[in-house]
Full PDB file with SEQRES, HELIX, SHEET, SSBOND, CRYST1, ORIGX, SCALE, CONECT and MASTER records, all heavy atoms in Angstrom:
SEQRES   1 A   30  THR GLY ARG ASN ILE VAL SER SER ARG VAL PRO LEU PRO          
SEQRES   2 A   30  GLN TYR LEU ASN GLY SER ASP GLN LEU PHE THR ALA LEU          
SEQRES   3 A   30  ARG ASN TRP VAL                                              
HELIX    1 AA1 GLN A   21  TRP A   29  1                                   9    
CRYST1    1.000    1.000    1.000  90.00  90.00  90.00 P 1           1          
ORIGX1      1.000000  0.000000  0.000000        0.00000                         
ORIGX2      0.000000  1.000000  0.000000        0.00000                         
ORIGX3      0.000000  0.000000  1.000000        0.00000                         
SCALE1      1.000000  0.000000  0.000000        0.00000                         
SCALE2      0.000000  1.000000  0.000000        0.00000                         
SCALE3      0.000000  0.000000  1.000000        0.00000                         
ATOM      1  N   THR A   1      -8.859   6.255  24.525  1.00  0.00           N  
ATOM      2  CA  THR A   1      -8.263   5.315  25.423  1.00  0.00           C  
ATOM      3  C   THR A   1      -6.895   5.256  25.465  1.00  0.00           C  
ATOM      4  O   THR A   1      -6.117   4.836  26.372  1.00  0.00           O  
ATOM      5  CB  THR A   1      -8.751   3.812  25.179  1.00  0.00           C  
ATOM      6  OG1 THR A   1      -8.333   3.495  23.993  1.00  0.00           O  
ATOM      7  CG2 THR A   1     -10.361   3.827  25.032  1.00  0.00           C  
ATOM      8  N   GLY A   2      -6.154   5.745  24.337  1.00  0.00           N  
ATOM      9  CA  GLY A   2      -4.682   5.760  24.377  1.00  0.00           C  
ATOM     10  C   GLY A   2      -4.204   4.410  23.960  1.00  0.00           C  
ATOM     11  O   GLY A   2      -2.892   4.155  23.968  1.00  0.00           O  
ATOM     12  N   ARG A   3      -5.081   3.508  23.623  1.00  0.00           N  
ATOM     13  CA  ARG A   3      -4.546   2.103  23.284  1.00  0.00           C  
ATOM     14  C   ARG A   3      -4.146   1.927  21.804  1.00  0.00           C  
ATOM     15  O   ARG A   3      -4.743   2.567  21.016  1.00  0.00           O  
ATOM     16  CB  ARG A   3      -5.658   0.966  23.586  1.00  0.00           C  
ATOM     17  CG  ARG A   3      -6.061   0.890  25.181  1.00  0.00           C  
ATOM     18  CD  ARG A   3      -7.072  -0.024  25.310  1.00  0.00           C  
ATOM     19  NE  ARG A   3      -8.287   0.303  24.695  1.00  0.00           N  
ATOM     20  CZ  ARG A   3      -9.441  -0.281  24.695  1.00  0.00           C  
ATOM     21  NH1 ARG A   3      -9.431  -1.553  25.326  1.00  0.00           N  
ATOM     22  NH2 ARG A   3     -10.546   0.025  24.150  1.00  0.00           N  
ATOM     23  N   ASN A   4      -3.141   1.189  21.527  1.00  0.00           N  
ATOM     24  CA  ASN A   4      -2.667   0.875  20.148  1.00  0.00           C  
ATOM     25  C   ASN A   4      -3.844   0.035  19.463  1.00  0.00           C  
ATOM     26  O   ASN A   4      -4.463  -0.815  20.016  1.00  0.00           O  
ATOM     27  CB  ASN A   4      -1.438   0.016  20.238  1.00  0.00           C  
ATOM     28  CG  ASN A   4      -0.267   0.848  20.360  1.00  0.00           C  
ATOM     29  OD1 ASN A   4      -0.253   2.047  20.037  1.00  0.00           O  
ATOM     30  ND2 ASN A   4       0.887   0.233  20.983  1.00  0.00           N  
ATOM     31  N   ILE A   5      -4.259   0.478  18.236  1.00  0.00           N  
ATOM     32  CA  ILE A   5      -4.985  -0.348  17.381  1.00  0.00           C  
ATOM     33  C   ILE A   5      -4.305  -0.454  16.193  1.00  0.00           C  
ATOM     34  O   ILE A   5      -3.612   0.346  15.734  1.00  0.00           O  
ATOM     35  CB  ILE A   5      -6.344   0.325  17.276  1.00  0.00           C  
ATOM     36  CG1 ILE A   5      -6.175   1.839  16.612  1.00  0.00           C  
ATOM     37  CG2 ILE A   5      -7.190   0.368  18.547  1.00  0.00           C  
ATOM     38  CD1 ILE A   5      -7.591   2.493  16.295  1.00  0.00           C  
ATOM     39  N   VAL A   6      -4.480  -1.610  15.356  1.00  0.00           N  
ATOM     40  CA  VAL A   6      -4.045  -1.731  14.152  1.00  0.00           C  
ATOM     41  C   VAL A   6      -5.052  -1.248  13.166  1.00  0.00           C  
ATOM     42  O   VAL A   6      -6.188  -1.686  13.059  1.00  0.00           O  
ATOM     43  CB  VAL A   6      -3.745  -3.189  13.890  1.00  0.00           C  
ATOM     44  CG1 VAL A   6      -3.197  -3.381  12.394  1.00  0.00           C  
ATOM     45  CG2 VAL A   6      -2.733  -3.708  14.786  1.00  0.00           C  
ATOM     46  N   SER A   7      -4.810  -0.162  12.437  1.00  0.00           N  
ATOM     47  CA  SER A   7      -5.676   0.461  11.513  1.00  0.00           C  
ATOM     48  C   SER A   7      -5.627  -0.181  10.056  1.00  0.00           C  
ATOM     49  O   SER A   7      -4.525  -0.087   9.437  1.00  0.00           O  
ATOM     50  CB  SER A   7      -5.353   1.972  11.372  1.00  0.00           C  
ATOM     51  OG  SER A   7      -6.184   2.446  10.395  1.00  0.00           O  
ATOM     52  N   SER A   8      -6.631  -0.797   9.765  1.00  0.00           N  
ATOM     53  CA  SER A   8      -6.699  -1.190   8.387  1.00  0.00           C  
ATOM     54  C   SER A   8      -7.360  -0.313   7.421  1.00  0.00           C  
ATOM     55  O   SER A   8      -7.665  -0.597   6.294  1.00  0.00           O  
ATOM     56  CB  SER A   8      -7.527  -2.692   8.435  1.00  0.00           C  
ATOM     57  OG  SER A   8      -8.935  -2.276   8.963  1.00  0.00           O  
ATOM     58  N   ARG A   9      -7.557   0.924   8.031  1.00  0.00           N  
ATOM     59  CA  ARG A   9      -8.135   1.959   7.143  1.00  0.00           C  
ATOM     60  C   ARG A   9      -7.343   2.947   6.546  1.00  0.00           C  
ATOM     61  O   ARG A   9      -7.699   3.870   5.917  1.00  0.00           O  
ATOM     62  CB  ARG A   9      -9.213   2.634   8.083  1.00  0.00           C  
ATOM     63  CG  ARG A   9     -10.298   1.816   8.876  1.00  0.00           C  
ATOM     64  CD  ARG A   9     -11.234   2.787   9.604  1.00  0.00           C  
ATOM     65  NE  ARG A   9     -12.062   3.669   8.763  1.00  0.00           N  
ATOM     66  CZ  ARG A   9     -12.488   4.805   9.189  1.00  0.00           C  
ATOM     67  NH1 ARG A   9     -12.277   5.199  10.424  1.00  0.00           N  
ATOM     68  NH2 ARG A   9     -13.164   5.581   8.343  1.00  0.00           N  
ATOM     69  N   VAL A  10      -6.037   2.696   6.683  1.00  0.00           N  
ATOM     70  CA  VAL A  10      -4.974   3.644   6.154  1.00  0.00           C  
ATOM     71  C   VAL A  10      -4.738   3.246   4.725  1.00  0.00           C  
ATOM     72  O   VAL A  10      -4.465   2.112   4.420  1.00  0.00           O  
ATOM     73  CB  VAL A  10      -3.650   3.566   6.857  1.00  0.00           C  
ATOM     74  CG1 VAL A  10      -2.634   4.345   6.157  1.00  0.00           C  
ATOM     75  CG2 VAL A  10      -3.844   3.969   8.306  1.00  0.00           C  
ATOM     76  N   PRO A  11      -5.057   4.059   3.727  1.00  0.00           N  
ATOM     77  CA  PRO A  11      -4.675   3.820   2.379  1.00  0.00           C  
ATOM     78  C   PRO A  11      -3.196   3.513   2.080  1.00  0.00           C  
ATOM     79  O   PRO A  11      -2.481   4.309   2.507  1.00  0.00           O  
ATOM     80  CB  PRO A  11      -5.301   4.974   1.530  1.00  0.00           C  
ATOM     81  CG  PRO A  11      -6.151   5.677   2.522  1.00  0.00           C  
ATOM     82  CD  PRO A  11      -5.603   5.511   3.957  1.00  0.00           C  
ATOM     83  N   LEU A  12      -2.948   2.428   1.497  1.00  0.00           N  
ATOM     84  CA  LEU A  12      -1.540   2.112   1.254  1.00  0.00           C  
ATOM     85  C   LEU A  12      -1.447   1.253  -0.145  1.00  0.00           C  
ATOM     86  O   LEU A  12      -2.330   0.561  -0.419  1.00  0.00           O  
ATOM     87  CB  LEU A  12      -1.030   1.309   2.494  1.00  0.00           C  
ATOM     88  CG  LEU A  12      -1.669   0.111   2.863  1.00  0.00           C  
ATOM     89  CD1 LEU A  12      -1.086  -1.214   2.297  1.00  0.00           C  
ATOM     90  CD2 LEU A  12      -1.872  -0.053   4.523  1.00  0.00           C  
ATOM     91  N   PRO A  13      -0.297   1.478  -0.602  1.00  0.00           N  
ATOM     92  CA  PRO A  13       0.016   0.693  -1.823  1.00  0.00           C  
ATOM     93  C   PRO A  13       0.080  -0.884  -1.528  1.00  0.00           C  
ATOM     94  O   PRO A  13       0.643  -1.227  -0.518  1.00  0.00           O  
ATOM     95  CB  PRO A  13       1.306   1.060  -2.332  1.00  0.00           C  
ATOM     96  CG  PRO A  13       1.601   2.370  -1.687  1.00  0.00           C  
ATOM     97  CD  PRO A  13       0.840   2.262  -0.218  1.00  0.00           C  
ATOM     98  N   GLN A  14      -0.547  -1.528  -2.381  1.00  0.00           N  
ATOM     99  CA  GLN A  14      -0.427  -3.105  -2.102  1.00  0.00           C  
ATOM    100  C   GLN A  14       0.930  -3.503  -2.854  1.00  0.00           C  
ATOM    101  O   GLN A  14       1.155  -3.084  -3.901  1.00  0.00           O  
ATOM    102  CB  GLN A  14      -1.641  -3.835  -2.805  1.00  0.00           C  
ATOM    103  CG  GLN A  14      -2.994  -3.383  -2.288  1.00  0.00           C  
ATOM    104  CD  GLN A  14      -3.167  -3.579  -0.824  1.00  0.00           C  
ATOM    105  OE1 GLN A  14      -2.808  -4.747  -0.300  1.00  0.00           O  
ATOM    106  NE2 GLN A  14      -3.585  -2.557   0.037  1.00  0.00           N  
ATOM    107  N   TYR A  15       1.578  -4.332  -2.095  1.00  0.00           N  
ATOM    108  CA  TYR A  15       2.941  -4.803  -2.640  1.00  0.00           C  
ATOM    109  C   TYR A  15       3.116  -6.134  -3.045  1.00  0.00           C  
ATOM    110  O   TYR A  15       2.669  -7.098  -2.353  1.00  0.00           O  
ATOM    111  CB  TYR A  15       3.824  -4.512  -1.298  1.00  0.00           C  
ATOM    112  CG  TYR A  15       5.300  -4.749  -1.648  1.00  0.00           C  
ATOM    113  CD1 TYR A  15       6.069  -3.962  -2.467  1.00  0.00           C  
ATOM    114  CD2 TYR A  15       6.042  -5.603  -0.802  1.00  0.00           C  
ATOM    115  CE1 TYR A  15       7.228  -4.097  -2.717  1.00  0.00           C  
ATOM    116  CE2 TYR A  15       7.345  -5.830  -1.040  1.00  0.00           C  
ATOM    117  CZ  TYR A  15       8.022  -5.083  -1.960  1.00  0.00           C  
ATOM    118  OH  TYR A  15       9.425  -5.233  -2.147  1.00  0.00           O  
ATOM    119  N   LEU A  16       3.670  -6.415  -4.179  1.00  0.00           N  
ATOM    120  CA  LEU A  16       4.198  -7.682  -4.615  1.00  0.00           C  
ATOM    121  C   LEU A  16       2.926  -8.638  -4.909  1.00  0.00           C  
ATOM    122  O   LEU A  16       2.568  -8.879  -6.062  1.00  0.00           O  
ATOM    123  CB  LEU A  16       5.060  -8.274  -3.883  1.00  0.00           C  
ATOM    124  CG  LEU A  16       6.606  -7.929  -3.971  1.00  0.00           C  
ATOM    125  CD1 LEU A  16       7.544  -8.589  -2.942  1.00  0.00           C  
ATOM    126  CD2 LEU A  16       7.092  -8.105  -5.367  1.00  0.00           C  
ATOM    127  N   ASN A  17       2.372  -9.108  -3.895  1.00  0.00           N  
ATOM    128  CA  ASN A  17       1.212 -10.071  -4.075  1.00  0.00           C  
ATOM    129  C   ASN A  17      -0.125  -9.321  -4.250  1.00  0.00           C  
ATOM    130  O   ASN A  17      -1.187 -10.007  -4.224  1.00  0.00           O  
ATOM    131  CB  ASN A  17       1.249 -11.067  -3.124  1.00  0.00           C  
ATOM    132  CG  ASN A  17       1.160 -10.559  -1.617  1.00  0.00           C  
ATOM    133  OD1 ASN A  17       1.309  -9.379  -1.515  1.00  0.00           O  
ATOM    134  ND2 ASN A  17       1.012 -11.507  -0.641  1.00  0.00           N  
ATOM    135  N   GLY A  18      -0.088  -8.031  -4.226  1.00  0.00           N  
ATOM    136  CA  GLY A  18      -1.311  -7.260  -4.433  1.00  0.00           C  
ATOM    137  C   GLY A  18      -1.155  -6.647  -5.812  1.00  0.00           C  
ATOM    138  O   GLY A  18      -0.701  -7.164  -6.712  1.00  0.00           O  
ATOM    139  N   SER A  19      -1.837  -5.412  -5.885  1.00  0.00           N  
ATOM    140  CA  SER A  19      -1.675  -4.642  -7.251  1.00  0.00           C  
ATOM    141  C   SER A  19      -0.499  -3.992  -7.449  1.00  0.00           C  
ATOM    142  O   SER A  19      -0.274  -3.601  -8.693  1.00  0.00           O  
ATOM    143  CB  SER A  19      -2.979  -3.699  -7.316  1.00  0.00           C  
ATOM    144  OG  SER A  19      -2.916  -2.857  -6.087  1.00  0.00           O  
ATOM    145  N   ASP A  20       0.327  -3.864  -6.464  1.00  0.00           N  
ATOM    146  CA  ASP A  20       1.633  -3.368  -6.797  1.00  0.00           C  
ATOM    147  C   ASP A  20       1.682  -2.103  -7.575  1.00  0.00           C  
ATOM    148  O   ASP A  20       2.469  -1.853  -8.526  1.00  0.00           O  
ATOM    149  CB  ASP A  20       2.457  -4.386  -7.594  1.00  0.00           C  
ATOM    150  CG  ASP A  20       3.931  -4.564  -7.220  1.00  0.00           C  
ATOM    151  OD1 ASP A  20       4.364  -3.762  -6.168  1.00  0.00           O  
ATOM    152  OD2 ASP A  20       4.650  -5.314  -7.709  1.00  0.00           O  
ATOM    153  N   GLN A  21       0.820  -1.109  -7.031  1.00  0.00           N  
ATOM    154  CA  GLN A  21       0.533   0.123  -7.746  1.00  0.00           C  
ATOM    155  C   GLN A  21       1.910   0.890  -8.046  1.00  0.00           C  
ATOM    156  O   GLN A  21       2.001   1.501  -9.260  1.00  0.00           O  
ATOM    157  CB  GLN A  21      -0.457   1.085  -7.028  1.00  0.00           C  
ATOM    158  CG  GLN A  21      -1.660   0.438  -6.789  1.00  0.00           C  
ATOM    159  CD  GLN A  21      -1.865  -0.036  -5.429  1.00  0.00           C  
ATOM    160  OE1 GLN A  21      -0.984  -0.651  -4.934  1.00  0.00           O  
ATOM    161  NE2 GLN A  21      -3.140   0.196  -4.812  1.00  0.00           N  
ATOM    162  N   LEU A  22       2.752   1.206  -7.133  1.00  0.00           N  
ATOM    163  CA  LEU A  22       3.841   2.053  -7.322  1.00  0.00           C  
ATOM    164  C   LEU A  22       4.863   1.304  -8.352  1.00  0.00           C  
ATOM    165  O   LEU A  22       5.386   2.093  -9.146  1.00  0.00           O  
ATOM    166  CB  LEU A  22       4.550   2.303  -5.974  1.00  0.00           C  
ATOM    167  CG  LEU A  22       3.607   3.178  -5.004  1.00  0.00           C  
ATOM    168  CD1 LEU A  22       4.323   3.377  -3.634  1.00  0.00           C  
ATOM    169  CD2 LEU A  22       3.311   4.508  -5.568  1.00  0.00           C  
ATOM    170  N   PHE A  23       5.132   0.083  -8.107  1.00  0.00           N  
ATOM    171  CA  PHE A  23       6.054  -0.445  -9.033  1.00  0.00           C  
ATOM    172  C   PHE A  23       5.538  -0.642 -10.499  1.00  0.00           C  
ATOM    173  O   PHE A  23       6.239  -0.373 -11.422  1.00  0.00           O  
ATOM    174  CB  PHE A  23       6.395  -1.975  -8.671  1.00  0.00           C  
ATOM    175  CG  PHE A  23       7.491  -2.478  -9.366  1.00  0.00           C  
ATOM    176  CD1 PHE A  23       8.809  -2.182  -9.158  1.00  0.00           C  
ATOM    177  CD2 PHE A  23       7.290  -3.598 -10.332  1.00  0.00           C  
ATOM    178  CE1 PHE A  23       9.936  -2.723  -9.837  1.00  0.00           C  
ATOM    179  CE2 PHE A  23       8.304  -4.117 -10.984  1.00  0.00           C  
ATOM    180  CZ  PHE A  23       9.753  -3.757 -10.864  1.00  0.00           C  
ATOM    181  N   THR A  24       4.178  -0.828 -10.622  1.00  0.00           N  
ATOM    182  CA  THR A  24       3.540  -0.785 -11.976  1.00  0.00           C  
ATOM    183  C   THR A  24       3.714   0.607 -12.537  1.00  0.00           C  
ATOM    184  O   THR A  24       3.885   0.596 -13.748  1.00  0.00           O  
ATOM    185  CB  THR A  24       2.022  -1.228 -11.820  1.00  0.00           C  
ATOM    186  OG1 THR A  24       1.957  -2.583 -11.358  1.00  0.00           O  
ATOM    187  CG2 THR A  24       1.328  -1.083 -13.098  1.00  0.00           C  
ATOM    188  N   ALA A  25       3.434   1.669 -11.638  1.00  0.00           N  
ATOM    189  CA  ALA A  25       3.661   3.017 -12.305  1.00  0.00           C  
ATOM    190  C   ALA A  25       4.976   3.315 -12.724  1.00  0.00           C  
ATOM    191  O   ALA A  25       5.360   3.927 -13.667  1.00  0.00           O  
ATOM    192  CB  ALA A  25       3.223   3.938 -11.166  1.00  0.00           C  
ATOM    193  N   LEU A  26       6.008   2.705 -12.082  1.00  0.00           N  
ATOM    194  CA  LEU A  26       7.392   2.903 -12.471  1.00  0.00           C  
ATOM    195  C   LEU A  26       7.698   2.138 -13.750  1.00  0.00           C  
ATOM    196  O   LEU A  26       8.338   2.661 -14.649  1.00  0.00           O  
ATOM    197  CB  LEU A  26       8.309   2.429 -11.395  1.00  0.00           C  
ATOM    198  CG  LEU A  26       9.819   2.475 -11.633  1.00  0.00           C  
ATOM    199  CD1 LEU A  26      10.314   3.868 -11.849  1.00  0.00           C  
ATOM    200  CD2 LEU A  26      10.639   1.721 -10.581  1.00  0.00           C  
ATOM    201  N   ARG A  27       7.035   0.942 -13.789  1.00  0.00           N  
ATOM    202  CA  ARG A  27       7.346   0.167 -15.063  1.00  0.00           C  
ATOM    203  C   ARG A  27       6.572   0.837 -16.243  1.00  0.00           C  
ATOM    204  O   ARG A  27       7.277   0.864 -17.316  1.00  0.00           O  
ATOM    205  CB  ARG A  27       6.823  -1.236 -14.984  1.00  0.00           C  
ATOM    206  CG  ARG A  27       7.591  -2.100 -14.123  1.00  0.00           C  
ATOM    207  CD  ARG A  27       7.118  -3.697 -14.281  1.00  0.00           C  
ATOM    208  NE  ARG A  27       7.173  -4.074 -15.790  1.00  0.00           N  
ATOM    209  CZ  ARG A  27       6.784  -5.161 -16.253  1.00  0.00           C  
ATOM    210  NH1 ARG A  27       6.311  -6.091 -15.423  1.00  0.00           N  
ATOM    211  NH2 ARG A  27       6.809  -5.483 -17.455  1.00  0.00           N  
ATOM    212  N   ASN A  28       5.468   1.420 -16.077  1.00  0.00           N  
ATOM    213  CA  ASN A  28       4.744   2.029 -17.087  1.00  0.00           C  
ATOM    214  C   ASN A  28       5.574   3.348 -17.617  1.00  0.00           C  
ATOM    215  O   ASN A  28       5.468   3.754 -18.817  1.00  0.00           O  
ATOM    216  CB  ASN A  28       3.360   2.443 -16.783  1.00  0.00           C  
ATOM    217  CG  ASN A  28       2.458   1.342 -16.660  1.00  0.00           C  
ATOM    218  OD1 ASN A  28       2.701   0.261 -17.342  1.00  0.00           O  
ATOM    219  ND2 ASN A  28       1.396   1.321 -15.876  1.00  0.00           N  
ATOM    220  N   TRP A  29       6.140   3.981 -16.660  1.00  0.00           N  
ATOM    221  CA  TRP A  29       7.009   5.089 -16.922  1.00  0.00           C  
ATOM    222  C   TRP A  29       8.181   4.676 -17.733  1.00  0.00           C  
ATOM    223  O   TRP A  29       8.518   5.460 -18.762  1.00  0.00           O  
ATOM    224  CB  TRP A  29       7.413   5.828 -15.528  1.00  0.00           C  
ATOM    225  CG  TRP A  29       7.861   7.097 -15.760  1.00  0.00           C  
ATOM    226  CD1 TRP A  29       7.791   8.036 -16.663  1.00  0.00           C  
ATOM    227  CD2 TRP A  29       8.435   7.927 -14.536  1.00  0.00           C  
ATOM    228  NE1 TRP A  29       8.432   9.306 -16.329  1.00  0.00           N  
ATOM    229  CE2 TRP A  29       8.802   9.179 -14.964  1.00  0.00           C  
ATOM    230  CE3 TRP A  29       8.805   7.639 -13.215  1.00  0.00           C  
ATOM    231  CZ2 TRP A  29       9.425  10.193 -14.175  1.00  0.00           C  
ATOM    232  CZ3 TRP A  29       9.477   8.498 -12.450  1.00  0.00           C  
ATOM    233  CH2 TRP A  29       9.732   9.849 -12.872  1.00  0.00           C  
ATOM    234  N   VAL A  30       8.887   3.638 -17.292  1.00  0.00           N  
ATOM    235  CA  VAL A  30      10.182   3.306 -17.934  1.00  0.00           C  
ATOM    236  C   VAL A  30       9.831   2.670 -19.419  1.00  0.00           C  
ATOM    237  O   VAL A  30      10.447   2.968 -20.429  1.00  0.00           O  
ATOM    238  CB  VAL A  30      10.880   2.287 -17.072  1.00  0.00           C  
ATOM    239  CG1 VAL A  30      12.070   1.703 -17.986  1.00  0.00           C  
ATOM    240  CG2 VAL A  30      11.532   2.973 -15.882  1.00  0.00           C  
TER     241      VAL A  30                                                      
MASTER        0    0    0    1    0    0    0    6  240    1    0    3          
END                                                                             
């Protein structure tokens, strides 16, 4: 259809009030 849809199916890091995966990985590294 060419219409915009908001995809909730894109895997993405949860930020701050979620699991904060990337920042947690950085902390574990440091």
